[in-house]
Amino acid sequence: MLSIGGIAVVFIMVFGGYVMAGGKLGIIIHALPFEFMMIGGAAVGALLIANSMEVIKKALGGFGKMIKGPKWGRDDYRDLLCLMYMLTKVMKTKGVVGLEPHIEKPGESKIFQQFPKIAGDHHVTDLICDTLRMVTMNLDDPHQVEDYMERQLEKHHAESMKSADALQTMADGLPALGIVAAVLGVIKTMASIDQPVEILGKMIGGALVGTFLGVFLSYGIVGPVASRLKQILDEEAQFYAIVRDTITANLHGHAAQVSVEIGRGNVPSRLQPSFYDLEEAINGVPAEAMA
């Protein structure tokens, strides 16, 4: 909602200030459809040229993601820490044999079933299960496991950031596309140089709408959306980093409670559960789920 409010402020301040200064919206409204067709169409076309369909879908979906905000909230971070506590507890008490049923079929695991939102995210479940599966195959060196998980996280983050990069590239190109539209307007004006000054003035004003629209869309809309999307993706990446920290801490020989406390330290500050909140949540974990 904050992003929507910000967009509204941009429009109100820009166009409100223009009108209050004595500007007439008629020229802008008349030229806007044609200028927007040229600038917006060219920007979308460039987006299609430069990116795969997967990146394009995610980039266009970035506007919705900006409005909804990060996928993971405070309760989700607490649930992830509880999930990691249960898995590391099973690994400590029952060994890899007790862990295998949970990581081979997470959809049927009583542990994963306690946290349906997390279980429904294929990346976090794959990261947990694939890593613990390698541990059951005797890859128990914490440094090697951490290095493996770090590479997985970097790959996933780089892939997710392509959508934000695509939007930023579009934002960078919009002012230049606005100049293209303005130049075309000037060409049209020069072809009508024999017209009265009043008509030429309106034609030049319409041409300048192209420059205005390109800069306005770049710095007022698309650029801020790309920036916000990057912030959201960076924050969501912290969710997966908690998995890495908890598993490697456990492999270093720490108890399950200590391992999740190390993972808790990686939770974004505004979403971080307190030590006592996490302890209460862990104490409420059903023991039969780890049976």
C-alpha atoms as a PDB file:
ATOM      1  CA  MET A   1       0.000   0.000   0.000  1.00  0.00           C
ATOM      2  CA  LEU A   2       2.901   2.344   0.675  1.00  0.00           C
ATOM      3  CA  SER A   3       4.071   1.922  -2.920  1.00  0.00           C
ATOM      4  CA  ILE A   4       0.612   2.772  -4.282  1.00  0.00           C
ATOM      5  CA  GLY A   5       0.553   5.855  -2.075  1.00  0.00           C
ATOM      6  CA  GLY A   6       3.973   6.836  -3.394  1.00  0.00           C
ATOM      7  CA  ILE A   7       2.815   6.561  -7.012  1.00  0.00           C
ATOM      8  CA  ALA A   8      -0.232   8.685  -6.182  1.00  0.00           C
ATOM      9  CA  VAL A   9       2.008  11.341  -4.592  1.00  0.00           C
ATOM     10  CA  VAL A  10       4.209  11.412  -7.712  1.00  0.00           C
ATOM     11  CA  PHE A  11       1.226  12.023 -10.008  1.00  0.00           C
ATOM     12  CA  ILE A  12      -0.450  14.564  -7.734  1.00  0.00           C
ATOM     13  CA  MET A  13       2.689  16.602  -7.116  1.00  0.00           C
ATOM     14  CA  VAL A  14       3.856  16.638 -10.736  1.00  0.00           C
ATOM     15  CA  PHE A  15       0.574  17.331 -12.486  1.00  0.00           C
ATOM     16  CA  GLY A  16      -0.884  19.319  -9.591  1.00  0.00           C
ATOM     17  CA  GLY A  17       2.121  21.611  -9.575  1.00  0.00           C
ATOM     18  CA  TYR A  18       1.894  21.982 -13.356  1.00  0.00           C
ATOM     19  CA  VAL A  19      -1.769  22.997 -13.217  1.00  0.00           C
ATOM     20  CA  MET A  20      -1.249  25.346 -10.260  1.00  0.00           C
ATOM     21  CA  ALA A  21       1.547  27.047 -12.193  1.00  0.00           C
ATOM     22  CA  GLY A  22      -0.944  27.816 -14.968  1.00  0.00           C
ATOM     23  CA  GLY A  23      -0.174  24.901 -17.260  1.00  0.00           C
ATOM     24  CA  LYS A  24      -2.876  23.494 -19.490  1.00  0.00           C
ATOM     25  CA  LEU A  25      -3.468  19.772 -19.495  1.00  0.00           C
ATOM     26  CA  GLY A  26      -5.149  19.847 -22.885  1.00  0.00           C
ATOM     27  CA  ILE A  27      -1.897  19.671 -24.843  1.00  0.00           C
ATOM     28  CA  ILE A  28      -0.592  16.795 -22.698  1.00  0.00           C
ATOM     29  CA  ILE A  29      -3.849  14.847 -22.880  1.00  0.00           C
ATOM     30  CA  HIS A  30      -4.019  15.279 -26.672  1.00  0.00           C
ATOM     31  CA  ALA A  31      -0.432  14.122 -27.242  1.00  0.00           C
ATOM     32  CA  LEU A  32      -0.294  11.491 -24.501  1.00  0.00           C
ATOM     33  CA  PRO A  33      -1.822   8.500 -26.378  1.00  0.00           C
ATOM     34  CA  PHE A  34       0.531   8.874 -29.347  1.00  0.00           C
ATOM     35  CA  GLU A  35       3.619   9.573 -27.241  1.00  0.00           C
ATOM     36  CA  PHE A  36       2.827   6.726 -24.885  1.00  0.00           C
ATOM     37  CA  MET A  37       2.369   4.389 -27.827  1.00  0.00           C
ATOM     38  CA  MET A  38       5.805   5.272 -29.176  1.00  0.00           C
ATOM     39  CA  ILE A  39       7.679   5.358 -25.871  1.00  0.00           C
ATOM     40  CA  GLY A  40       5.844   2.582 -24.011  1.00  0.00           C
ATOM     41  CA  GLY A  41       5.677   0.371 -27.074  1.00  0.00           C
ATOM     42  CA  ALA A  42       9.377   0.803 -27.795  1.00  0.00           C
ATOM     43  CA  ALA A  43      10.234   0.098 -24.141  1.00  0.00           C
ATOM     44  CA  VAL A  44       8.172  -3.104 -24.122  1.00  0.00           C
ATOM     45  CA  GLY A  45       9.676  -4.124 -27.462  1.00  0.00           C
ATOM     46  CA  ALA A  46      13.188  -3.611 -26.106  1.00  0.00           C
ATOM     47  CA  LEU A  47      12.216  -5.678 -23.059  1.00  0.00           C
ATOM     48  CA  LEU A  48      11.121  -8.500 -25.372  1.00  0.00           C
ATOM     49  CA  ILE A  49      14.367  -8.305 -27.353  1.00  0.00           C
ATOM     50  CA  ALA A  50      16.653  -8.332 -24.333  1.00  0.00           C
ATOM     51  CA  ASN A  51      15.088 -11.020 -22.131  1.00  0.00           C
ATOM     52  CA  SER A  52      13.678 -14.520 -22.096  1.00  0.00           C
ATOM     53  CA  MET A  53       9.962 -15.091 -21.591  1.00  0.00           C
ATOM     54  CA  GLU A  54      10.564 -16.280 -18.035  1.00  0.00           C
ATOM     55  CA  VAL A  55      12.374 -13.057 -17.120  1.00  0.00           C
ATOM     56  CA  ILE A  56       9.708 -10.956 -18.857  1.00  0.00           C
ATOM     57  CA  LYS A  57       6.911 -12.615 -16.870  1.00  0.00           C
ATOM     58  CA  LYS A  58       8.765 -12.043 -13.606  1.00  0.00           C
ATOM     59  CA  ALA A  59       9.597  -8.458 -14.565  1.00  0.00           C
ATOM     60  CA  LEU A  60       5.981  -7.615 -15.349  1.00  0.00           C
ATOM     61  CA  GLY A  61       4.951  -9.453 -12.188  1.00  0.00           C
ATOM     62  CA  GLY A  62       7.368  -7.219 -10.302  1.00  0.00           C
ATOM     63  CA  PHE A  63       4.725  -4.493 -10.180  1.00  0.00           C
ATOM     64  CA  GLY A  64       2.411  -6.835  -8.271  1.00  0.00           C
ATOM     65  CA  LYS A  65       5.254  -8.027  -6.055  1.00  0.00           C
ATOM     66  CA  MET A  66       6.093  -4.419  -5.237  1.00  0.00           C
ATOM     67  CA  ILE A  67       2.524  -3.885  -4.033  1.00  0.00           C
ATOM     68  CA  LYS A  68       2.300  -7.136  -2.037  1.00  0.00           C
ATOM     69  CA  GLY A  69       5.785  -6.864  -0.564  1.00  0.00           C
ATOM     70  CA  PRO A  70       8.101  -9.724   0.496  1.00  0.00           C
ATOM     71  CA  LYS A  71       6.673 -13.231   0.475  1.00  0.00           C
ATOM     72  CA  TRP A  72       7.861 -14.085   3.976  1.00  0.00           C
ATOM     73  CA  GLY A  73       6.521 -12.411   7.117  1.00  0.00           C
ATOM     74  CA  ARG A  74       7.379 -12.573  10.809  1.00  0.00           C
ATOM     75  CA  ASP A  75       5.423 -15.783  11.408  1.00  0.00           C
ATOM     76  CA  ASP A  76       7.106 -17.460   8.438  1.00  0.00           C
ATOM     77  CA  TYR A  77      10.578 -16.796   9.830  1.00  0.00           C
ATOM     78  CA  ARG A  78       9.508 -18.209  13.183  1.00  0.00           C
ATOM     79  CA  ASP A  79       8.042 -21.271  11.437  1.00  0.00           C
ATOM     80  CA  LEU A  80      11.228 -21.810   9.434  1.00  0.00           C
ATOM     81  CA  LEU A  81      13.307 -21.756  12.597  1.00  0.00           C
ATOM     82  CA  CYS A  82      10.926 -24.261  14.202  1.00  0.00           C
ATOM     83  CA  LEU A  83      11.141 -26.470  11.112  1.00  0.00           C
ATOM     84  CA  MET A  84      14.928 -26.377  11.167  1.00  0.00           C
ATOM     85  CA  TYR A  85      14.889 -27.143  14.894  1.00  0.00           C
ATOM     86  CA  MET A  86      12.776 -30.232  14.308  1.00  0.00           C
ATOM     87  CA  LEU A  87      14.957 -31.492  11.460  1.00  0.00           C
ATOM     88  CA  THR A  88      18.245 -30.897  13.253  1.00  0.00           C
ATOM     89  CA  LYS A  89      16.803 -32.433  16.421  1.00  0.00           C
ATOM     90  CA  VAL A  90      15.879 -35.579  14.521  1.00  0.00           C
ATOM     91  CA  MET A  91      19.320 -35.665  12.921  1.00  0.00           C
ATOM     92  CA  LYS A  92      20.969 -35.363  16.358  1.00  0.00           C
ATOM     93  CA  THR A  93      18.823 -37.927  18.142  1.00  0.00           C
ATOM     94  CA  LYS A  94      18.049 -40.485  15.424  1.00  0.00           C
ATOM     95  CA  GLY A  95      20.808 -39.930  12.923  1.00  0.00           C
ATOM     96  CA  VAL A  96      20.483 -39.979   9.159  1.00  0.00           C
ATOM     97  CA  VAL A  97      18.212 -43.022   9.238  1.00  0.00           C
ATOM     98  CA  GLY A  98      15.550 -41.117  11.158  1.00  0.00           C
ATOM     99  CA  LEU A  99      15.970 -38.106   8.887  1.00  0.00           C
ATOM    100  CA  GLU A 100      15.562 -39.896   5.543  1.00  0.00           C
ATOM    101  CA  PRO A 101      11.737 -40.286   5.574  1.00  0.00           C
ATOM    102  CA  HIS A 102      11.341 -36.537   6.014  1.00  0.00           C
ATOM    103  CA  ILE A 103      13.728 -35.437   3.262  1.00  0.00           C
ATOM    104  CA  GLU A 104      12.888 -38.105   0.688  1.00  0.00           C
ATOM    105  CA  LYS A 105       9.164 -37.309   0.683  1.00  0.00           C
ATOM    106  CA  PRO A 106       8.699 -33.904   2.314  1.00  0.00           C
ATOM    107  CA  GLY A 107       5.079 -33.799   1.163  1.00  0.00           C
ATOM    108  CA  GLU A 108       4.340 -36.781   3.390  1.00  0.00           C
ATOM    109  CA  SER A 109       6.585 -35.703   6.275  1.00  0.00           C
ATOM    110  CA  LYS A 110       4.825 -34.901   9.540  1.00  0.00           C
ATOM    111  CA  ILE A 111       7.462 -32.257  10.164  1.00  0.00           C
ATOM    112  CA  PHE A 112       6.940 -30.396   6.891  1.00  0.00           C
ATOM    113  CA  GLN A 113       3.172 -30.752   7.216  1.00  0.00           C
ATOM    114  CA  GLN A 114       3.333 -28.556  10.307  1.00  0.00           C
ATOM    115  CA  PHE A 115       4.369 -25.648   8.073  1.00  0.00           C
ATOM    116  CA  PRO A 116       2.346 -25.779   4.818  1.00  0.00           C
ATOM    117  CA  LYS A 117       3.466 -22.403   3.446  1.00  0.00           C
ATOM    118  CA  ILE A 118       7.123 -23.347   3.689  1.00  0.00           C
ATOM    119  CA  ALA A 119       6.461 -26.850   2.372  1.00  0.00           C
ATOM    120  CA  GLY A 120       4.703 -25.265  -0.618  1.00  0.00           C
ATOM    121  CA  ASP A 121       7.823 -23.349  -1.654  1.00  0.00           C
ATOM    122  CA  HIS A 122       9.808 -25.726  -3.823  1.00  0.00           C
ATOM    123  CA  HIS A 123      13.053 -23.777  -3.554  1.00  0.00           C
ATOM    124  CA  VAL A 124      13.295 -23.792   0.231  1.00  0.00           C
ATOM    125  CA  THR A 125      12.199 -27.439   0.476  1.00  0.00           C
ATOM    126  CA  ASP A 126      14.657 -28.456  -2.263  1.00  0.00           C
ATOM    127  CA  LEU A 127      17.454 -26.543  -0.562  1.00  0.00           C
ATOM    128  CA  ILE A 128      16.750 -28.234   2.777  1.00  0.00           C
ATOM    129  CA  CYS A 129      16.146 -31.719   1.457  1.00  0.00           C
ATOM    130  CA  ASP A 130      18.951 -31.777  -1.126  1.00  0.00           C
ATOM    131  CA  THR A 131      21.489 -30.526   1.395  1.00  0.00           C
ATOM    132  CA  LEU A 132      20.442 -32.938   4.132  1.00  0.00           C
ATOM    133  CA  ARG A 133      20.353 -35.744   1.576  1.00  0.00           C
ATOM    134  CA  MET A 134      24.010 -35.030   0.802  1.00  0.00           C
ATOM    135  CA  VAL A 135      24.729 -35.084   4.529  1.00  0.00           C
ATOM    136  CA  THR A 136      23.200 -38.557   4.723  1.00  0.00           C
ATOM    137  CA  MET A 137      25.629 -39.531   1.933  1.00  0.00           C
ATOM    138  CA  ASN A 138      28.542 -38.710   4.267  1.00  0.00           C
ATOM    139  CA  LEU A 139      29.152 -35.138   3.098  1.00  0.00           C
ATOM    140  CA  ASP A 140      29.352 -33.955   6.681  1.00  0.00           C
ATOM    141  CA  ASP A 141      32.203 -31.442   6.434  1.00  0.00           C
ATOM    142  CA  PRO A 142      30.499 -28.192   7.537  1.00  0.00           C
ATOM    143  CA  HIS A 143      32.786 -26.051   5.367  1.00  0.00           C
ATOM    144  CA  GLN A 144      32.034 -28.043   2.228  1.00  0.00           C
ATOM    145  CA  VAL A 145      28.314 -28.022   2.971  1.00  0.00           C
ATOM    146  CA  GLU A 146      28.359 -24.277   3.584  1.00  0.00           C
ATOM    147  CA  ASP A 147      30.253 -23.726   0.326  1.00  0.00           C
ATOM    148  CA  TYR A 148      27.742 -25.877  -1.554  1.00  0.00           C
ATOM    149  CA  MET A 149      24.763 -24.049  -0.089  1.00  0.00           C
ATOM    150  CA  GLU A 150      26.356 -20.660  -0.712  1.00  0.00           C
ATOM    151  CA  ARG A 151      26.697 -21.479  -4.405  1.00  0.00           C
ATOM    152  CA  GLN A 152      23.072 -22.600  -4.530  1.00  0.00           C
ATOM    153  CA  LEU A 153      21.894 -19.399  -2.867  1.00  0.00           C
ATOM    154  CA  GLU A 154      24.001 -17.227  -5.163  1.00  0.00           C
ATOM    155  CA  LYS A 155      22.593 -18.994  -8.230  1.00  0.00           C
ATOM    156  CA  HIS A 156      18.997 -18.617  -7.066  1.00  0.00           C
ATOM    157  CA  HIS A 157      19.483 -14.968  -6.119  1.00  0.00           C
ATOM    158  CA  ALA A 158      21.159 -14.127  -9.429  1.00  0.00           C
ATOM    159  CA  GLU A 159      18.286 -15.747 -11.330  1.00  0.00           C
ATOM    160  CA  SER A 160      15.636 -13.922  -9.318  1.00  0.00           C
ATOM    161  CA  MET A 161      17.413 -10.570  -9.708  1.00  0.00           C
ATOM    162  CA  LYS A 162      17.205 -10.741 -13.517  1.00  0.00           C
ATOM    163  CA  SER A 163      13.633  -9.427 -13.365  1.00  0.00           C
ATOM    164  CA  ALA A 164      14.670  -6.363 -11.357  1.00  0.00           C
ATOM    165  CA  ASP A 165      17.644  -5.804 -13.656  1.00  0.00           C
ATOM    166  CA  ALA A 166      15.330  -5.959 -16.684  1.00  0.00           C
ATOM    167  CA  LEU A 167      13.078  -3.285 -15.185  1.00  0.00           C
ATOM    168  CA  GLN A 168      16.083  -1.120 -14.318  1.00  0.00           C
ATOM    169  CA  THR A 169      17.345  -1.418 -17.891  1.00  0.00           C
ATOM    170  CA  MET A 170      13.915  -0.334 -19.111  1.00  0.00           C
ATOM    171  CA  ALA A 171      13.984   2.634 -16.744  1.00  0.00           C
ATOM    172  CA  ASP A 172      17.445   3.620 -17.999  1.00  0.00           C
ATOM    173  CA  GLY A 173      16.241   3.545 -21.603  1.00  0.00           C
ATOM    174  CA  LEU A 174      12.975   5.456 -21.198  1.00  0.00           C
ATOM    175  CA  PRO A 175      14.494   8.990 -21.225  1.00  0.00           C
ATOM    176  CA  ALA A 176      16.279   8.222 -24.504  1.00  0.00           C
ATOM    177  CA  LEU A 177      13.084   6.802 -25.989  1.00  0.00           C
ATOM    178  CA  GLY A 178      11.348   9.987 -24.879  1.00  0.00           C
ATOM    179  CA  ILE A 179      13.893  11.967 -26.866  1.00  0.00           C
ATOM    180  CA  VAL A 180      13.209   9.761 -29.896  1.00  0.00           C
ATOM    181  CA  ALA A 181       9.496  10.547 -29.636  1.00  0.00           C
ATOM    182  CA  ALA A 182      10.253  14.254 -29.173  1.00  0.00           C
ATOM    183  CA  VAL A 183      12.508  14.304 -32.244  1.00  0.00           C
ATOM    184  CA  LEU A 184       9.764  12.718 -34.302  1.00  0.00           C
ATOM    185  CA  GLY A 185       7.429  15.450 -33.043  1.00  0.00           C
ATOM    186  CA  VAL A 186       9.930  18.123 -34.104  1.00  0.00           C
ATOM    187  CA  ILE A 187      10.200  16.511 -37.545  1.00  0.00           C
ATOM    188  CA  LYS A 188       6.430  16.664 -37.829  1.00  0.00           C
ATOM    189  CA  THR A 189       6.485  20.312 -36.737  1.00  0.00           C
ATOM    190  CA  MET A 190       9.171  21.251 -39.268  1.00  0.00           C
ATOM    191  CA  ALA A 191       7.069  19.708 -42.011  1.00  0.00           C
ATOM    192  CA  SER A 192       4.324  22.173 -41.070  1.00  0.00           C
ATOM    193  CA  ILE A 193       6.540  25.236 -40.811  1.00  0.00           C
ATOM    194  CA  ASP A 194       4.137  27.237 -42.987  1.00  0.00           C
ATOM    195  CA  GLN A 195       1.385  27.004 -40.340  1.00  0.00           C
ATOM    196  CA  PRO A 196       0.496  29.876 -37.972  1.00  0.00           C
ATOM    197  CA  VAL A 197       2.510  30.359 -34.784  1.00  0.00           C
ATOM    198  CA  GLU A 198      -0.391  29.180 -32.610  1.00  0.00           C
ATOM    199  CA  ILE A 199      -0.485  25.824 -34.376  1.00  0.00           C
ATOM    200  CA  LEU A 200       3.297  25.445 -34.382  1.00  0.00           C
ATOM    201  CA  GLY A 201       3.377  26.195 -30.649  1.00  0.00           C
ATOM    202  CA  LYS A 202       0.915  23.393 -29.923  1.00  0.00           C
ATOM    203  CA  MET A 203       2.854  20.987 -32.153  1.00  0.00           C
ATOM    204  CA  ILE A 204       6.145  21.779 -30.395  1.00  0.00           C
ATOM    205  CA  GLY A 205       4.422  21.441 -27.019  1.00  0.00           C
ATOM    206  CA  GLY A 206       3.081  18.031 -28.070  1.00  0.00           C
ATOM    207  CA  ALA A 207       6.586  16.984 -29.151  1.00  0.00           C
ATOM    208  CA  LEU A 208       8.029  17.962 -25.778  1.00  0.00           C
ATOM    209  CA  VAL A 209       5.461  15.698 -24.091  1.00  0.00           C
ATOM    210  CA  GLY A 210       7.598  12.814 -25.361  1.00  0.00           C
ATOM    211  CA  THR A 211      10.669  14.030 -23.476  1.00  0.00           C
ATOM    212  CA  PHE A 212       8.567  14.660 -20.374  1.00  0.00           C
ATOM    213  CA  LEU A 213       6.891  11.254 -20.513  1.00  0.00           C
ATOM    214  CA  GLY A 214      10.161   9.341 -20.940  1.00  0.00           C
ATOM    215  CA  VAL A 215      11.817  11.055 -17.980  1.00  0.00           C
ATOM    216  CA  PHE A 216       8.662  10.880 -15.853  1.00  0.00           C
ATOM    217  CA  LEU A 217       8.134   7.158 -16.410  1.00  0.00           C
ATOM    218  CA  SER A 218      11.821   6.414 -15.860  1.00  0.00           C
ATOM    219  CA  TYR A 219      12.475   8.284 -12.625  1.00  0.00           C
ATOM    220  CA  GLY A 220       8.931   8.479 -11.282  1.00  0.00           C
ATOM    221  CA  ILE A 221       7.556   4.976 -11.915  1.00  0.00           C
ATOM    222  CA  VAL A 222       9.695   2.223 -13.468  1.00  0.00           C
ATOM    223  CA  GLY A 223      12.982   3.083 -11.740  1.00  0.00           C
ATOM    224  CA  PRO A 224      11.468   3.149  -8.226  1.00  0.00           C
ATOM    225  CA  VAL A 225       9.603  -0.096  -8.961  1.00  0.00           C
ATOM    226  CA  ALA A 226      12.880  -1.779  -9.976  1.00  0.00           C
ATOM    227  CA  SER A 227      14.596  -0.444  -6.849  1.00  0.00           C
ATOM    228  CA  ARG A 228      11.816  -1.677  -4.564  1.00  0.00           C
ATOM    229  CA  LEU A 229      11.794  -5.061  -6.296  1.00  0.00           C
ATOM    230  CA  LYS A 230      15.518  -5.430  -5.639  1.00  0.00           C
ATOM    231  CA  GLN A 231      14.964  -4.669  -1.942  1.00  0.00           C
ATOM    232  CA  ILE A 232      12.218  -7.301  -1.745  1.00  0.00           C
ATOM    233  CA  LEU A 233      14.334  -9.949  -3.481  1.00  0.00           C
ATOM    234  CA  ASP A 234      17.303  -9.174  -1.223  1.00  0.00           C
ATOM    235  CA  GLU A 235      15.101  -9.565   1.849  1.00  0.00           C
ATOM    236  CA  GLU A 236      13.606 -12.829   0.597  1.00  0.00           C
ATOM    237  CA  ALA A 237      17.124 -14.173   0.062  1.00  0.00           C
ATOM    238  CA  GLN A 238      17.673 -13.905   3.816  1.00  0.00           C
ATOM    239  CA  PHE A 239      14.989 -16.547   4.321  1.00  0.00           C
ATOM    240  CA  TYR A 240      17.098 -19.122   2.508  1.00  0.00           C
ATOM    241  CA  ALA A 241      20.297 -18.007   4.217  1.00  0.00           C
ATOM    242  CA  ILE A 242      18.758 -19.077   7.540  1.00  0.00           C
ATOM    243  CA  VAL A 243      18.638 -22.654   6.242  1.00  0.00           C
ATOM    244  CA  ARG A 244      22.341 -22.487   5.408  1.00  0.00           C
ATOM    245  CA  ASP A 245      23.330 -21.074   8.787  1.00  0.00           C
ATOM    246  CA  THR A 246      21.252 -23.553  10.775  1.00  0.00           C
ATOM    247  CA  ILE A 247      22.464 -26.660   8.948  1.00  0.00           C
ATOM    248  CA  THR A 248      26.138 -25.660   9.030  1.00  0.00           C
ATOM    249  CA  ALA A 249      25.880 -24.769  12.720  1.00  0.00           C
ATOM    250  CA  ASN A 250      24.434 -28.192  13.391  1.00  0.00           C
ATOM    251  CA  LEU A 251      27.246 -29.868  11.445  1.00  0.00           C
ATOM    252  CA  HIS A 252      29.745 -27.951  13.548  1.00  0.00           C
ATOM    253  CA  GLY A 253      28.384 -29.941  16.493  1.00  0.00           C
ATOM    254  CA  HIS A 254      26.009 -27.427  18.055  1.00  0.00           C
ATOM    255  CA  ALA A 255      22.760 -28.560  19.638  1.00  0.00           C
ATOM    256  CA  ALA A 256      19.520 -28.021  17.723  1.00  0.00           C
ATOM    257  CA  GLN A 257      18.494 -25.129  19.993  1.00  0.00           C
ATOM    258  CA  VAL A 258      21.841 -23.390  19.496  1.00  0.00           C
ATOM    259  CA  SER A 259      21.747 -23.997  15.734  1.00  0.00           C
ATOM    260  CA  VAL A 260      18.405 -22.268  15.284  1.00  0.00           C
ATOM    261  CA  GLU A 261      19.549 -19.423  17.516  1.00  0.00           C
ATOM    262  CA  ILE A 262      22.469 -18.906  15.122  1.00  0.00           C
ATOM    263  CA  GLY A 263      19.968 -18.965  12.260  1.00  0.00           C
ATOM    264  CA  ARG A 264      17.752 -16.444  14.077  1.00  0.00           C
ATOM    265  CA  GLY A 265      20.583 -13.942  13.915  1.00  0.00           C
ATOM    266  CA  ASN A 266      20.190 -13.791  10.118  1.00  0.00           C
ATOM    267  CA  VAL A 267      16.510 -12.807  10.240  1.00  0.00           C
ATOM    268  CA  PRO A 268      15.874  -9.195   9.113  1.00  0.00           C
ATOM    269  CA  SER A 269      15.677  -7.022  12.222  1.00  0.00           C
ATOM    270  CA  ARG A 270      12.082  -5.883  11.756  1.00  0.00           C
ATOM    271  CA  LEU A 271      10.923  -9.501  11.390  1.00  0.00           C
ATOM    272  CA  GLN A 272      13.227 -11.175  13.897  1.00  0.00           C
ATOM    273  CA  PRO A 273      11.434 -13.086  16.667  1.00  0.00           C
ATOM    274  CA  SER A 274      12.861 -12.553  20.115  1.00  0.00           C
ATOM    275  CA  PHE A 275      14.767 -15.285  21.907  1.00  0.00           C
ATOM    276  CA  TYR A 276      11.810 -15.943  24.188  1.00  0.00           C
ATOM    277  CA  ASP A 277       9.258 -15.938  21.346  1.00  0.00           C
ATOM    278  CA  LEU A 278      11.297 -18.538  19.492  1.00  0.00           C
ATOM    279  CA  GLU A 279      11.787 -20.606  22.635  1.00  0.00           C
ATOM    280  CA  GLU A 280       8.034 -20.597  23.254  1.00  0.00           C
ATOM    281  CA  ALA A 281       7.361 -21.622  19.656  1.00  0.00           C
ATOM    282  CA  ILE A 282       9.877 -24.458  19.864  1.00  0.00           C
ATOM    283  CA  ASN A 283       8.367 -25.688  23.127  1.00  0.00           C
ATOM    284  CA  GLY A 284       5.028 -25.823  21.347  1.00  0.00           C
ATOM    285  CA  VAL A 285       6.349 -28.113  18.622  1.00  0.00           C
ATOM    286  CA  PRO A 286       4.415 -31.434  18.716  1.00  0.00           C
ATOM    287  CA  ALA A 287       6.776 -34.207  19.768  1.00  0.00           C
ATOM    288  CA  GLU A 288       4.827 -36.815  17.762  1.00  0.00           C
ATOM    289  CA  ALA A 289       5.810 -35.039  14.519  1.00  0.00           C
ATOM    290  CA  MET A 290       9.444 -35.972  15.183  1.00  0.00           C
ATOM    291  CA  ALA A 291       8.633 -39.548  16.063  1.00  0.00           C
END
